[in-house]
Amino acid sequence: MKKIFAFLCCWMALASTSTLAQTYPNKPIRLIVGYAAGGGADALARLTATQLSESLGQQVIVENRAGAGGTLAADAVAKAPADGYTLLFGETGLLIAPSIYASVPFDPIKSFTPVGSVGTTPLVVVVHPSVPAKNTAELIALLKTNPGKYSYASPGVGTVHHLAMELFKKQGNFDFVHVPYKGAAPIIPDLIGGQIPLAILSAPPALVQAKAGKLRAIALTSPGKLSSAPDWPALAETFPGFDASPRLFVLAPAGTPTSVVSRLDAALKLMLAKTTVQETLISQGAMAVPGSAEELGIFMANEVKKWSVIARSSGATAQ
């Protein structure tokens, strides 16, 4: 009887999974974002939701749960049913969180099932025009000659921006002072006004101010070039392999059936193959980076390790 019961349980589980694969999705899907409405991540999440709605034939609703660097949203998805109806629009900050917070209620690898990549949002190192450095080599030489004299602004402790600059500092073997701001918005007026000489910004606002001559772009933290600023070099040209830009991706709760993940993965690939979507991503300061669920899983595991080392060496901790 025990063997028969075990067999029936297995058969029912397989039958349930098969039925789910055939009917998914048959109701609206929630795409949870860990940041406020109106920001860059929210705009790209809404683009993704619209495209997935068209492909899947069901409405995908964006739900904003801002706070604690995106960990509130991640925790909500980690605890949701693993049926494909609650998804997370995540970014690299999720992979950094365990290294900078005293504790997080989820494991970025074990608590989620990777679905697929969406894109990356390049960052750029910028300086006030008065800074006597026009390229990466000159900036490194200036900082080495004046250890601790120069400071740089980032949107906050433990952000990708902050740790990207700490990685730059480590590889360049120089020293400068981190000045964390409460978000990116207040950095630009202080940089333009000369209150702070260096900063790391998302590419779109940096491009606007650089074209106006109000700041100077030194280098991108991503290896790829920007079509809107093809003359901007990448730090990878000086430090091969340097790549420190936020990656955007979609995750599901751990245990989500493979058939459901495959359906979502295919929908993301279809989305990113569209020229109109690629152009919209570029206009939002992002670049399409297609990637399967398996590739995303490998990327996430590597990023957790990489950022853990950088966070420890920088001493970054978030409250």
C-alpha atoms as a PDB file:
ATOM      1  CA  MET A   1       0.000   0.000   0.000  1.00  0.00           C
ATOM      2  CA  LYS A   2       2.878   2.387   0.787  1.00  0.00           C
ATOM      3  CA  LYS A   3       4.369   1.775  -2.651  1.00  0.00           C
ATOM      4  CA  ILE A   4       1.016   2.326  -4.313  1.00  0.00           C
ATOM      5  CA  PHE A   5       0.490   5.558  -2.344  1.00  0.00           C
ATOM      6  CA  ALA A   6       3.960   6.823  -3.289  1.00  0.00           C
ATOM      7  CA  PHE A   7       3.301   5.988  -6.945  1.00  0.00           C
ATOM      8  CA  LEU A   8      -0.020   7.839  -6.878  1.00  0.00           C
ATOM      9  CA  CYS A   9       1.611  10.889  -5.304  1.00  0.00           C
ATOM     10  CA  CYS A  10       4.298  10.977  -8.006  1.00  0.00           C
ATOM     11  CA  TRP A  11       1.706  10.462 -10.744  1.00  0.00           C
ATOM     12  CA  MET A  12      -0.460  13.278  -9.382  1.00  0.00           C
ATOM     13  CA  ALA A  13       2.538  15.618  -9.189  1.00  0.00           C
ATOM     14  CA  LEU A  14       3.509  14.868 -12.800  1.00  0.00           C
ATOM     15  CA  ALA A  15      -0.081  15.248 -13.949  1.00  0.00           C
ATOM     16  CA  SER A  16      -0.340  18.587 -12.139  1.00  0.00           C
ATOM     17  CA  THR A  17       2.865  19.855 -13.760  1.00  0.00           C
ATOM     18  CA  SER A  18       1.689  18.715 -17.192  1.00  0.00           C
ATOM     19  CA  THR A  19      -1.662  20.449 -16.742  1.00  0.00           C
ATOM     20  CA  LEU A  20       0.054  23.651 -15.583  1.00  0.00           C
ATOM     21  CA  ALA A  21       2.294  23.611 -18.664  1.00  0.00           C
ATOM     22  CA  GLN A  22      -0.721  23.286 -20.956  1.00  0.00           C
ATOM     23  CA  THR A  23      -2.822  25.991 -19.304  1.00  0.00           C
ATOM     24  CA  TYR A  24      -0.186  28.534 -18.197  1.00  0.00           C
ATOM     25  CA  PRO A  25      -0.925  31.352 -18.023  1.00  0.00           C
ATOM     26  CA  ASN A  26      -4.659  31.402 -17.423  1.00  0.00           C
ATOM     27  CA  LYS A  27      -4.774  34.469 -15.162  1.00  0.00           C
ATOM     28  CA  PRO A  28      -2.880  37.770 -14.760  1.00  0.00           C
ATOM     29  CA  ILE A  29       0.786  37.682 -13.738  1.00  0.00           C
ATOM     30  CA  ARG A  30       2.374  40.057 -11.226  1.00  0.00           C
ATOM     31  CA  LEU A  31       5.807  41.491 -12.035  1.00  0.00           C
ATOM     32  CA  ILE A  32       7.160  42.962  -8.795  1.00  0.00           C
ATOM     33  CA  VAL A  33       9.746  45.770  -8.911  1.00  0.00           C
ATOM     34  CA  GLY A  34      11.804  46.793  -5.901  1.00  0.00           C
ATOM     35  CA  TYR A  35      11.873  50.486  -6.781  1.00  0.00           C
ATOM     36  CA  ALA A  36       9.402  53.362  -6.929  1.00  0.00           C
ATOM     37  CA  ALA A  37       7.238  54.110  -9.941  1.00  0.00           C
ATOM     38  CA  GLY A  38       8.736  56.550 -12.422  1.00  0.00           C
ATOM     39  CA  GLY A  39      12.357  55.477 -12.099  1.00  0.00           C
ATOM     40  CA  GLY A  40      14.572  53.748 -14.650  1.00  0.00           C
ATOM     41  CA  ALA A  41      13.987  50.213 -13.360  1.00  0.00           C
ATOM     42  CA  ASP A  42      10.232  50.824 -13.241  1.00  0.00           C
ATOM     43  CA  ALA A  43      10.151  52.080 -16.851  1.00  0.00           C
ATOM     44  CA  LEU A  44      11.989  49.002 -18.106  1.00  0.00           C
ATOM     45  CA  ALA A  45       9.787  46.715 -16.009  1.00  0.00           C
ATOM     46  CA  ARG A  46       6.704  48.246 -17.611  1.00  0.00           C
ATOM     47  CA  LEU A  47       8.185  47.765 -21.072  1.00  0.00           C
ATOM     48  CA  THR A  48       8.832  44.112 -20.183  1.00  0.00           C
ATOM     49  CA  ALA A  49       5.324  43.684 -18.779  1.00  0.00           C
ATOM     50  CA  THR A  50       3.724  45.077 -21.940  1.00  0.00           C
ATOM     51  CA  GLN A  51       5.744  42.796 -24.187  1.00  0.00           C
ATOM     52  CA  LEU A  52       5.126  39.709 -22.053  1.00  0.00           C
ATOM     53  CA  SER A  53       1.387  40.467 -22.006  1.00  0.00           C
ATOM     54  CA  GLU A  54       1.328  40.439 -25.807  1.00  0.00           C
ATOM     55  CA  SER A  55       3.335  37.235 -26.062  1.00  0.00           C
ATOM     56  CA  LEU A  56       1.622  35.269 -23.288  1.00  0.00           C
ATOM     57  CA  GLY A  57      -1.927  36.407 -23.953  1.00  0.00           C
ATOM     58  CA  GLN A  58      -2.430  37.388 -20.315  1.00  0.00           C
ATOM     59  CA  GLN A  59      -2.054  40.719 -18.562  1.00  0.00           C
ATOM     60  CA  VAL A  60       1.246  41.216 -16.743  1.00  0.00           C
ATOM     61  CA  ILE A  61       0.772  43.780 -13.982  1.00  0.00           C
ATOM     62  CA  VAL A  62       3.700  45.767 -12.571  1.00  0.00           C
ATOM     63  CA  GLU A  63       3.648  46.089  -8.794  1.00  0.00           C
ATOM     64  CA  ASN A  64       6.076  48.460  -7.066  1.00  0.00           C
ATOM     65  CA  ARG A  65       7.425  47.486  -3.637  1.00  0.00           C
ATOM     66  CA  ALA A  66      10.157  50.008  -2.978  1.00  0.00           C
ATOM     67  CA  GLY A  67      12.466  49.909   0.020  1.00  0.00           C
ATOM     68  CA  ALA A  68      15.627  48.402   1.466  1.00  0.00           C
ATOM     69  CA  GLY A  69      17.480  48.390  -1.825  1.00  0.00           C
ATOM     70  CA  GLY A  70      14.959  46.138  -3.534  1.00  0.00           C
ATOM     71  CA  THR A  71      15.103  43.427  -0.876  1.00  0.00           C
ATOM     72  CA  LEU A  72      11.450  43.893   0.153  1.00  0.00           C
ATOM     73  CA  ALA A  73      10.282  43.024  -3.341  1.00  0.00           C
ATOM     74  CA  ALA A  74      12.702  40.108  -3.573  1.00  0.00           C
ATOM     75  CA  ASP A  75      11.475  38.704  -0.264  1.00  0.00           C
ATOM     76  CA  ALA A  76       7.849  38.923  -1.414  1.00  0.00           C
ATOM     77  CA  VAL A  77       8.611  36.946  -4.584  1.00  0.00           C
ATOM     78  CA  ALA A  78      10.781  34.412  -2.761  1.00  0.00           C
ATOM     79  CA  LYS A  79       7.797  33.604  -0.493  1.00  0.00           C
ATOM     80  CA  ALA A  80       5.191  33.539  -3.285  1.00  0.00           C
ATOM     81  CA  PRO A  81       3.740  30.320  -4.739  1.00  0.00           C
ATOM     82  CA  ALA A  82       6.048  28.754  -7.323  1.00  0.00           C
ATOM     83  CA  ASP A  83       3.445  28.757 -10.085  1.00  0.00           C
ATOM     84  CA  GLY A  84       4.751  31.453 -12.435  1.00  0.00           C
ATOM     85  CA  TYR A  85       2.148  34.059 -11.488  1.00  0.00           C
ATOM     86  CA  THR A  86       4.468  36.140  -9.291  1.00  0.00           C
ATOM     87  CA  LEU A  87       7.745  37.248 -10.862  1.00  0.00           C
ATOM     88  CA  LEU A  88      10.548  39.598  -9.853  1.00  0.00           C
ATOM     89  CA  PHE A  89      12.041  42.243 -12.106  1.00  0.00           C
ATOM     90  CA  GLY A  90      15.445  42.140 -10.469  1.00  0.00           C
ATOM     91  CA  GLU A  91      18.776  43.838 -10.922  1.00  0.00           C
ATOM     92  CA  THR A  92      22.347  43.422  -9.741  1.00  0.00           C
ATOM     93  CA  GLY A  93      21.631  45.069  -6.371  1.00  0.00           C
ATOM     94  CA  LEU A  94      19.800  41.878  -5.398  1.00  0.00           C
ATOM     95  CA  LEU A  95      23.057  39.936  -5.824  1.00  0.00           C
ATOM     96  CA  ILE A  96      25.000  42.463  -3.753  1.00  0.00           C
ATOM     97  CA  ALA A  97      22.500  42.632  -0.859  1.00  0.00           C
ATOM     98  CA  PRO A  98      23.802  39.627   1.158  1.00  0.00           C
ATOM     99  CA  SER A  99      27.260  41.199   1.197  1.00  0.00           C
ATOM    100  CA  ILE A 100      26.257  44.619   2.537  1.00  0.00           C
ATOM    101  CA  TYR A 101      23.209  44.005   4.756  1.00  0.00           C
ATOM    102  CA  ALA A 102      23.565  42.371   8.163  1.00  0.00           C
ATOM    103  CA  SER A 103      20.920  39.876   7.082  1.00  0.00           C
ATOM    104  CA  VAL A 104      18.463  39.381   4.228  1.00  0.00           C
ATOM    105  CA  PRO A 105      15.450  37.044   4.400  1.00  0.00           C
ATOM    106  CA  PHE A 106      16.320  35.218   1.194  1.00  0.00           C
ATOM    107  CA  ASP A 107      19.216  33.669  -0.684  1.00  0.00           C
ATOM    108  CA  PRO A 108      19.677  35.284  -4.127  1.00  0.00           C
ATOM    109  CA  ILE A 109      20.576  31.900  -5.612  1.00  0.00           C
ATOM    110  CA  LYS A 110      18.561  29.331  -3.650  1.00  0.00           C
ATOM    111  CA  SER A 111      15.354  31.346  -3.234  1.00  0.00           C
ATOM    112  CA  PHE A 112      14.751  31.984  -6.940  1.00  0.00           C
ATOM    113  CA  THR A 113      14.490  30.254 -10.288  1.00  0.00           C
ATOM    114  CA  PRO A 114      16.219  32.239 -13.069  1.00  0.00           C
ATOM    115  CA  VAL A 115      13.931  33.049 -16.009  1.00  0.00           C
ATOM    116  CA  GLY A 116      16.014  35.223 -18.333  1.00  0.00           C
ATOM    117  CA  SER A 117      18.047  38.383 -18.821  1.00  0.00           C
ATOM    118  CA  VAL A 118      16.635  41.649 -20.148  1.00  0.00           C
ATOM    119  CA  GLY A 119      19.506  44.098 -20.403  1.00  0.00           C
ATOM    120  CA  THR A 120      22.166  46.170 -18.739  1.00  0.00           C
ATOM    121  CA  THR A 121      22.265  49.861 -17.823  1.00  0.00           C
ATOM    122  CA  PRO A 122      25.768  51.252 -18.414  1.00  0.00           C
ATOM    123  CA  LEU A 123      27.343  53.567 -15.869  1.00  0.00           C
ATOM    124  CA  VAL A 124      29.959  56.194 -16.618  1.00  0.00           C
ATOM    125  CA  VAL A 125      32.732  57.795 -14.571  1.00  0.00           C
ATOM    126  CA  VAL A 126      32.472  61.574 -14.947  1.00  0.00           C
ATOM    127  CA  VAL A 127      34.405  64.593 -13.700  1.00  0.00           C
ATOM    128  CA  HIS A 128      33.871  68.316 -13.369  1.00  0.00           C
ATOM    129  CA  PRO A 129      35.523  70.172 -16.305  1.00  0.00           C
ATOM    130  CA  SER A 130      38.061  71.705 -13.919  1.00  0.00           C
ATOM    131  CA  VAL A 131      39.560  68.283 -13.129  1.00  0.00           C
ATOM    132  CA  PRO A 132      42.828  68.036 -15.116  1.00  0.00           C
ATOM    133  CA  ALA A 133      42.154  64.603 -16.599  1.00  0.00           C
ATOM    134  CA  LYS A 134      40.640  63.855 -19.993  1.00  0.00           C
ATOM    135  CA  ASN A 135      40.874  60.063 -20.084  1.00  0.00           C
ATOM    136  CA  THR A 136      41.315  57.012 -17.873  1.00  0.00           C
ATOM    137  CA  ALA A 137      45.110  57.056 -17.882  1.00  0.00           C
ATOM    138  CA  GLU A 138      45.252  60.745 -16.936  1.00  0.00           C
ATOM    139  CA  LEU A 139      42.661  60.283 -14.184  1.00  0.00           C
ATOM    140  CA  ILE A 140      44.542  57.358 -12.663  1.00  0.00           C
ATOM    141  CA  ALA A 141      47.799  59.334 -12.774  1.00  0.00           C
ATOM    142  CA  LEU A 142      46.096  62.313 -11.113  1.00  0.00           C
ATOM    143  CA  LEU A 143      44.602  60.178  -8.327  1.00  0.00           C
ATOM    144  CA  LYS A 144      47.880  58.363  -7.704  1.00  0.00           C
ATOM    145  CA  THR A 145      49.721  61.664  -7.454  1.00  0.00           C
ATOM    146  CA  ASN A 146      47.141  63.049  -5.030  1.00  0.00           C
ATOM    147  CA  PRO A 147      46.101  60.155  -2.760  1.00  0.00           C
ATOM    148  CA  GLY A 148      42.943  60.932  -0.791  1.00  0.00           C
ATOM    149  CA  LYS A 149      42.662  64.476  -2.168  1.00  0.00           C
ATOM    150  CA  TYR A 150      39.804  63.817  -4.569  1.00  0.00           C
ATOM    151  CA  SER A 151      36.333  62.570  -3.690  1.00  0.00           C
ATOM    152  CA  TYR A 152      33.624  60.956  -5.783  1.00  0.00           C
ATOM    153  CA  ALA A 153      29.845  60.763  -5.457  1.00  0.00           C
ATOM    154  CA  SER A 154      27.642  57.692  -5.798  1.00  0.00           C
ATOM    155  CA  PRO A 155      23.889  57.146  -5.201  1.00  0.00           C
ATOM    156  CA  GLY A 156      24.627  55.352  -1.936  1.00  0.00           C
ATOM    157  CA  VAL A 157      26.681  52.830   0.007  1.00  0.00           C
ATOM    158  CA  GLY A 158      26.584  49.341  -1.440  1.00  0.00           C
ATOM    159  CA  THR A 159      25.033  50.336  -4.764  1.00  0.00           C
ATOM    160  CA  VAL A 160      26.488  48.955  -7.974  1.00  0.00           C
ATOM    161  CA  HIS A 161      27.750  52.484  -8.633  1.00  0.00           C
ATOM    162  CA  HIS A 162      29.673  52.560  -5.351  1.00  0.00           C
ATOM    163  CA  LEU A 163      31.199  49.111  -5.741  1.00  0.00           C
ATOM    164  CA  ALA A 164      32.053  49.743  -9.392  1.00  0.00           C
ATOM    165  CA  MET A 165      34.195  52.683  -8.266  1.00  0.00           C
ATOM    166  CA  GLU A 166      35.747  50.597  -5.499  1.00  0.00           C
ATOM    167  CA  LEU A 167      36.685  48.005  -8.122  1.00  0.00           C
ATOM    168  CA  PHE A 168      38.141  50.786 -10.280  1.00  0.00           C
ATOM    169  CA  LYS A 169      40.146  52.031  -7.285  1.00  0.00           C
ATOM    170  CA  LYS A 170      41.466  48.555  -6.550  1.00  0.00           C
ATOM    171  CA  GLN A 171      42.501  47.810 -10.109  1.00  0.00           C
ATOM    172  CA  GLY A 172      43.978  51.275 -10.617  1.00  0.00           C
ATOM    173  CA  ASN A 173      45.862  51.121  -7.288  1.00  0.00           C
ATOM    174  CA  PHE A 174      44.950  54.657  -6.228  1.00  0.00           C
ATOM    175  CA  ASP A 175      42.902  56.233  -3.450  1.00  0.00           C
ATOM    176  CA  PHE A 176      39.962  58.618  -3.385  1.00  0.00           C
ATOM    177  CA  VAL A 177      37.147  59.353  -0.949  1.00  0.00           C
ATOM    178  CA  HIS A 178      33.599  58.052  -1.333  1.00  0.00           C
ATOM    179  CA  VAL A 179      30.774  60.515  -0.707  1.00  0.00           C
ATOM    180  CA  PRO A 180      27.445  58.633  -0.673  1.00  0.00           C
ATOM    181  CA  TYR A 181      24.340  60.546  -1.710  1.00  0.00           C
ATOM    182  CA  LYS A 182      20.707  59.639  -1.109  1.00  0.00           C
ATOM    183  CA  GLY A 183      20.021  58.668  -4.694  1.00  0.00           C
ATOM    184  CA  ALA A 184      21.344  59.879  -8.036  1.00  0.00           C
ATOM    185  CA  ALA A 185      19.271  63.055  -8.511  1.00  0.00           C
ATOM    186  CA  PRO A 186      21.196  65.374  -6.129  1.00  0.00           C
ATOM    187  CA  ILE A 187      24.596  64.371  -7.505  1.00  0.00           C
ATOM    188  CA  ILE A 188      24.362  66.195 -10.842  1.00  0.00           C
ATOM    189  CA  PRO A 189      23.835  69.758  -9.517  1.00  0.00           C
ATOM    190  CA  ASP A 190      26.675  69.311  -7.021  1.00  0.00           C
ATOM    191  CA  LEU A 191      28.963  67.947  -9.732  1.00  0.00           C
ATOM    192  CA  ILE A 192      28.104  70.746 -12.159  1.00  0.00           C
ATOM    193  CA  GLY A 193      28.500  73.302  -9.382  1.00  0.00           C
ATOM    194  CA  GLY A 194      31.947  71.966  -8.490  1.00  0.00           C
ATOM    195  CA  GLN A 195      31.028  70.881  -4.953  1.00  0.00           C
ATOM    196  CA  ILE A 196      32.312  67.410  -5.828  1.00  0.00           C
ATOM    197  CA  PRO A 197      34.895  66.692  -8.540  1.00  0.00           C
ATOM    198  CA  LEU A 198      34.060  63.128  -9.582  1.00  0.00           C
ATOM    199  CA  ALA A 199      30.984  60.932  -9.766  1.00  0.00           C
ATOM    200  CA  ILE A 200      29.567  57.788 -11.262  1.00  0.00           C
ATOM    201  CA  LEU A 201      26.244  58.180 -13.045  1.00  0.00           C
ATOM    202  CA  SER A 202      23.877  56.303 -15.300  1.00  0.00           C
ATOM    203  CA  ALA A 203      24.686  57.024 -18.920  1.00  0.00           C
ATOM    204  CA  PRO A 204      21.583  59.029 -20.037  1.00  0.00           C
ATOM    205  CA  PRO A 205      21.845  61.970 -17.587  1.00  0.00           C
ATOM    206  CA  ALA A 206      25.622  61.983 -17.977  1.00  0.00           C
ATOM    207  CA  LEU A 207      25.258  62.214 -21.755  1.00  0.00           C
ATOM    208  CA  VAL A 208      22.967  65.233 -21.547  1.00  0.00           C
ATOM    209  CA  GLN A 209      25.355  67.150 -19.290  1.00  0.00           C
ATOM    210  CA  ALA A 210      28.455  66.084 -21.234  1.00  0.00           C
ATOM    211  CA  LYS A 211      26.985  67.380 -24.490  1.00  0.00           C
ATOM    212  CA  ALA A 212      26.291  70.681 -22.738  1.00  0.00           C
ATOM    213  CA  GLY A 213      29.936  70.833 -21.625  1.00  0.00           C
ATOM    214  CA  LYS A 214      28.972  70.811 -17.947  1.00  0.00           C
ATOM    215  CA  LEU A 215      30.884  67.622 -17.152  1.00  0.00           C
ATOM    216  CA  ARG A 216      33.417  65.342 -18.817  1.00  0.00           C
ATOM    217  CA  ALA A 217      32.904  61.628 -19.379  1.00  0.00           C
ATOM    218  CA  ILE A 218      35.987  59.527 -18.620  1.00  0.00           C
ATOM    219  CA  ALA A 219      34.920  55.912 -19.188  1.00  0.00           C
ATOM    220  CA  LEU A 220      32.048  53.444 -19.117  1.00  0.00           C
ATOM    221  CA  THR A 221      31.944  50.671 -16.540  1.00  0.00           C
ATOM    222  CA  SER A 222      30.469  48.270 -19.109  1.00  0.00           C
ATOM    223  CA  PRO A 223      32.588  46.693 -21.871  1.00  0.00           C
ATOM    224  CA  GLY A 224      30.110  47.591 -24.629  1.00  0.00           C
ATOM    225  CA  LYS A 225      29.993  50.981 -26.346  1.00  0.00           C
ATOM    226  CA  LEU A 226      26.997  53.298 -26.365  1.00  0.00           C
ATOM    227  CA  SER A 227      25.491  54.042 -29.764  1.00  0.00           C
ATOM    228  CA  SER A 228      24.600  57.509 -28.470  1.00  0.00           C
ATOM    229  CA  ALA A 229      28.207  58.162 -27.340  1.00  0.00           C
ATOM    230  CA  PRO A 230      30.479  55.972 -29.485  1.00  0.00           C
ATOM    231  CA  ASP A 231      33.572  57.957 -28.519  1.00  0.00           C
ATOM    232  CA  TRP A 232      33.239  57.111 -24.823  1.00  0.00           C
ATOM    233  CA  PRO A 233      35.830  54.439 -23.977  1.00  0.00           C
ATOM    234  CA  ALA A 234      35.267  51.578 -21.556  1.00  0.00           C
ATOM    235  CA  LEU A 235      37.321  50.878 -18.435  1.00  0.00           C
ATOM    236  CA  ALA A 236      37.710  47.386 -19.929  1.00  0.00           C
ATOM    237  CA  GLU A 237      40.061  48.935 -22.480  1.00  0.00           C
ATOM    238  CA  THR A 238      42.425  49.747 -19.612  1.00  0.00           C
ATOM    239  CA  PHE A 239      41.503  46.831 -17.347  1.00  0.00           C
ATOM    240  CA  PRO A 240      40.560  43.823 -19.510  1.00  0.00           C
ATOM    241  CA  GLY A 241      37.428  42.104 -18.285  1.00  0.00           C
ATOM    242  CA  PHE A 242      36.202  45.092 -16.258  1.00  0.00           C
ATOM    243  CA  ASP A 243      32.400  44.913 -16.177  1.00  0.00           C
ATOM    244  CA  ALA A 244      30.429  46.616 -13.421  1.00  0.00           C
ATOM    245  CA  SER A 245      27.038  47.731 -14.641  1.00  0.00           C
ATOM    246  CA  PRO A 246      23.577  46.894 -13.315  1.00  0.00           C
ATOM    247  CA  ARG A 247      22.037  43.874 -15.070  1.00  0.00           C
ATOM    248  CA  LEU A 248      18.251  43.596 -15.322  1.00  0.00           C
ATOM    249  CA  PHE A 249      16.593  40.196 -15.274  1.00  0.00           C
ATOM    250  CA  VAL A 250      13.432  38.263 -14.431  1.00  0.00           C
ATOM    251  CA  LEU A 251      13.226  35.693 -11.635  1.00  0.00           C
ATOM    252  CA  ALA A 252      10.531  33.355 -10.329  1.00  0.00           C
ATOM    253  CA  PRO A 253      10.248  31.697  -6.905  1.00  0.00           C
ATOM    254  CA  ALA A 254      12.416  28.621  -6.384  1.00  0.00           C
ATOM    255  CA  GLY A 255      10.684  25.455  -7.528  1.00  0.00           C
ATOM    256  CA  THR A 256       8.782  27.026 -10.425  1.00  0.00           C
ATOM    257  CA  PRO A 257       8.142  24.260 -13.010  1.00  0.00           C
ATOM    258  CA  THR A 258      10.599  24.053 -15.890  1.00  0.00           C
ATOM    259  CA  SER A 259       7.747  24.191 -18.405  1.00  0.00           C
ATOM    260  CA  VAL A 260       6.602  27.550 -17.035  1.00  0.00           C
ATOM    261  CA  VAL A 261      10.135  28.947 -16.988  1.00  0.00           C
ATOM    262  CA  SER A 262      10.629  27.825 -20.592  1.00  0.00           C
ATOM    263  CA  ARG A 263       7.456  29.635 -21.656  1.00  0.00           C
ATOM    264  CA  LEU A 264       8.575  32.850 -19.959  1.00  0.00           C
ATOM    265  CA  ASP A 265      12.136  32.498 -21.262  1.00  0.00           C
ATOM    266  CA  ALA A 266      10.849  32.177 -24.834  1.00  0.00           C
ATOM    267  CA  ALA A 267       8.638  35.257 -24.368  1.00  0.00           C
ATOM    268  CA  LEU A 268      11.632  37.311 -23.174  1.00  0.00           C
ATOM    269  CA  LYS A 269      13.741  36.205 -26.139  1.00  0.00           C
ATOM    270  CA  LEU A 270      10.921  37.179 -28.513  1.00  0.00           C
ATOM    271  CA  MET A 271      10.707  40.565 -26.827  1.00  0.00           C
ATOM    272  CA  LEU A 272      14.430  41.306 -27.083  1.00  0.00           C
ATOM    273  CA  ALA A 273      14.542  40.284 -30.748  1.00  0.00           C
ATOM    274  CA  LYS A 274      12.258  43.184 -31.670  1.00  0.00           C
ATOM    275  CA  THR A 275      13.993  46.236 -33.121  1.00  0.00           C
ATOM    276  CA  THR A 276      11.447  48.537 -31.506  1.00  0.00           C
ATOM    277  CA  VAL A 277      12.200  47.087 -28.075  1.00  0.00           C
ATOM    278  CA  GLN A 278      15.950  47.414 -28.599  1.00  0.00           C
ATOM    279  CA  GLU A 279      15.500  51.054 -29.606  1.00  0.00           C
ATOM    280  CA  THR A 280      13.311  51.722 -26.566  1.00  0.00           C
ATOM    281  CA  LEU A 281      15.920  50.172 -24.276  1.00  0.00           C
ATOM    282  CA  ILE A 282      18.586  52.414 -25.787  1.00  0.00           C
ATOM    283  CA  SER A 283      16.396  55.486 -25.284  1.00  0.00           C
ATOM    284  CA  GLN A 284      16.033  54.468 -21.624  1.00  0.00           C
ATOM    285  CA  GLY A 285      19.811  54.164 -21.189  1.00  0.00           C
ATOM    286  CA  ALA A 286      19.908  50.375 -21.389  1.00  0.00           C
ATOM    287  CA  MET A 287      21.213  47.772 -23.798  1.00  0.00           C
ATOM    288  CA  ALA A 288      19.488  44.484 -24.586  1.00  0.00           C
ATOM    289  CA  VAL A 289      21.330  41.465 -23.206  1.00  0.00           C
ATOM    290  CA  PRO A 290      19.436  38.283 -24.118  1.00  0.00           C
ATOM    291  CA  GLY A 291      20.228  35.294 -21.949  1.00  0.00           C
ATOM    292  CA  SER A 292      18.598  31.966 -21.218  1.00  0.00           C
ATOM    293  CA  ALA A 293      17.495  30.862 -17.771  1.00  0.00           C
ATOM    294  CA  GLU A 294      20.560  28.639 -17.517  1.00  0.00           C
ATOM    295  CA  GLU A 295      22.924  31.431 -18.562  1.00  0.00           C
ATOM    296  CA  LEU A 296      21.306  33.802 -16.078  1.00  0.00           C
ATOM    297  CA  GLY A 297      21.790  31.268 -13.284  1.00  0.00           C
ATOM    298  CA  ILE A 298      25.508  31.024 -14.039  1.00  0.00           C
ATOM    299  CA  PHE A 299      25.800  34.805 -14.263  1.00  0.00           C
ATOM    300  CA  MET A 300      24.058  35.290 -10.905  1.00  0.00           C
ATOM    301  CA  ALA A 301      26.288  32.785  -9.106  1.00  0.00           C
ATOM    302  CA  ASN A 302      29.416  34.459 -10.481  1.00  0.00           C
ATOM    303  CA  GLU A 303      28.163  37.955  -9.628  1.00  0.00           C
ATOM    304  CA  VAL A 304      27.354  37.038  -6.012  1.00  0.00           C
ATOM    305  CA  LYS A 305      30.945  35.855  -5.568  1.00  0.00           C
ATOM    306  CA  LYS A 306      32.447  38.851  -7.372  1.00  0.00           C
ATOM    307  CA  TRP A 307      30.520  41.509  -5.443  1.00  0.00           C
ATOM    308  CA  SER A 308      31.092  39.732  -2.133  1.00  0.00           C
ATOM    309  CA  VAL A 309      34.844  40.123  -2.582  1.00  0.00           C
ATOM    310  CA  ILE A 310      34.538  43.778  -3.600  1.00  0.00           C
ATOM    311  CA  ALA A 311      32.144  44.618  -0.750  1.00  0.00           C
ATOM    312  CA  ARG A 312      34.438  43.009   1.831  1.00  0.00           C
ATOM    313  CA  SER A 313      37.527  44.782   0.570  1.00  0.00           C
ATOM    314  CA  SER A 314      35.710  48.158   0.539  1.00  0.00           C
ATOM    315  CA  GLY A 315      34.076  47.630   3.940  1.00  0.00           C
ATOM    316  CA  ALA A 316      30.691  48.630   2.512  1.00  0.00           C
ATOM    317  CA  THR A 317      27.716  48.058   4.802  1.00  0.00           C
ATOM    318  CA  ALA A 318      24.122  49.274   4.430  1.00  0.00           C
ATOM    319  CA  GLN A 319      21.735  50.132   7.241  1.00  0.00           C
END
